[in-house]
Amino acid sequence: MTIRFAVPHRRTLCALALLGLGAPHLSWAQPASQPYALHNGYPTRATINQVYDDIDLNRAVQAYRFFYPNVAMMNLWQANIADGMRPNKVFALLQGSPEKRVLTANSDTPYAGALIDLSAGPMVVEVPPGPIMSVANDLNQSWVMDLGVPGPDAGKGGKHLLLPPDYDGPIPAGFFVGHSTTHKLMLLLRALPLKGDTAGAIERMKTVAIHPLKPPAGWTPPKWVDLSAHAADLTPLKIEDNLGYWRTLHALLDSEPANPAYRNYYGELAALGIIKGQPFAPDARMQRILTQAAQTGAVQMRVQSLADRRPDRVVWPDRQWEWAVLRPENGTFSTPDYTDLVAREKWFYQAMIASPAMFRRAPGAGSLYWLGSRDAQGEYLDGGKSYTLSVPLPLPAKLFWSVTVYDSQTRSQIETPQAKAALRSLEELKDQEQSGTAELYFGPTAPPGKASHWIQTTPGRGWFAYLRIYGPDKPAFDGGWKPGDFSPVN
């Protein structure tokens, strides 16, 4: 006897159970593209092939979404080395610009980046007193520690110690300590350009000293080099929908210790043939499945990120603005009972680096990010149309604020002949009156006389914006202040 059935809905199984009729024993993969068939209680050959394809595809899509932050960070490490950085030896000074593609990076302040390898032992980061903000994330894109103004030294200066995985040696007194889950990690620095002094901010970052806890013979201090001048793509776009994604993930697994928190997820990868210490050599069938999973996972994450349906995304009920980060409690997306994987996926599809100081929704937070992807009518922002944005002044910002425009396809700063993507209170808007309303403009052409307050967009391409407040005050959180929506201009 041959029985054919499509995978039943969960409610159907529940109803059968309540009626005492039982139900077939099925593992819940995604619904089969063809009905499954059984003969005398055994699966047919076609069913066997289909079920295993469905199971492997389901595993691969889930693994894709979970490991996306790790793959993006591994790709960033590799891309930075190709761009001229060297772990522990050559650190980069950067001025953010559209030519440097990085997921939702900004040009609000000058940056510095340091690739740090803890394979030889703990590293020390000495931050001088002053307006320096810093964060360290490891290759799992897990938060290691904040330094400087948002860190435990609170801008007063201090010595910070970065420890490798499973370190069991002595920890000297007088250090703020961060524990990494990988040997490789990235340290990002930014310095506030006081009174618009960008050159001074860059020199201030160069005073941060980074060295081994126990320098070996012949140790020389790292060099700081300016890598701003040339274009580079530091995003995972080129690998996120193909086998390159899985190759990069395998390279990460092979080069770093296992993270105990990922044990079950490593099991999913092992079922797909992606195992630490073994070559990545998928056969034709698995290549097809992994490629399909990458393409499917990338679209799913795009939907979650830019078409979010969660009620807690809403900042103000009468506005279209969303929280860029859904979980404000910490930098790990942790609730008391579970890890909020949807919030984690949404953030890391848009952005790089996580930190409690970036996510906190209270006065004293280092910064605050709001996402705007729709106009006042709820339609996606279109590069072929023109918009205005009204920003009430003054903003509840102890430091400064900005609006940065990103291409919805690259999730990086928009690239146009104008060659800029931001309107910043420290730069383009520094002469703006500090009361009333700042009117900002977005579209293919500048409104007459408004070019200084305008960002160019490209017809045929969508865009979204981040409104950032640095040093946010109470009205930014309690509804006492809120911006307008992007309003279409006829």
Foldseek 3Di string as FASTA:
>chain_A
DKDWAWDDDPVVQVVCVVVVNHDDDDDDFPTFPGTWMADPNHGDPVNVVRVVLRLLLRLLLVLLLQQVQLLLLLLLVVQVVVLPADAQAEKEKAQDFQLAFAQPDARQAIKIKHKHFQPVHKKKKKAAAAQKWKFKAFSSLAGFAIDACLGPCNRHIAMAIEGEPPDDDDDDPGYHYTYYQWRIMMMMMGGACVLLNRVVRRVNVVPIFMAHPDHDPPDDGHHYDYSHPGGGHSGCVVPQQACSSLVSVLVVLQRTDDDVVCVVSQVSVVVLVRHHPDDDDDDPSSRVSNNVSSNVSLVVLLCCQQVNDDPQQDQDPQAQKGFQASDLPWQQCDDPPGRPSSRVSNNSSRHGHTGNLARHQAQSRQKGKIKAQAFSVRHGAFQAFKWKKKFFFPAQAPRWKKKFKAWSVSSGGADDPVRGTMDICSPLVVVPDRGDIDMAMEYQDDDPPCVSRYDHGDGPTTMMMMIMGGSGHDCSRPVVGDIHGTGTDD
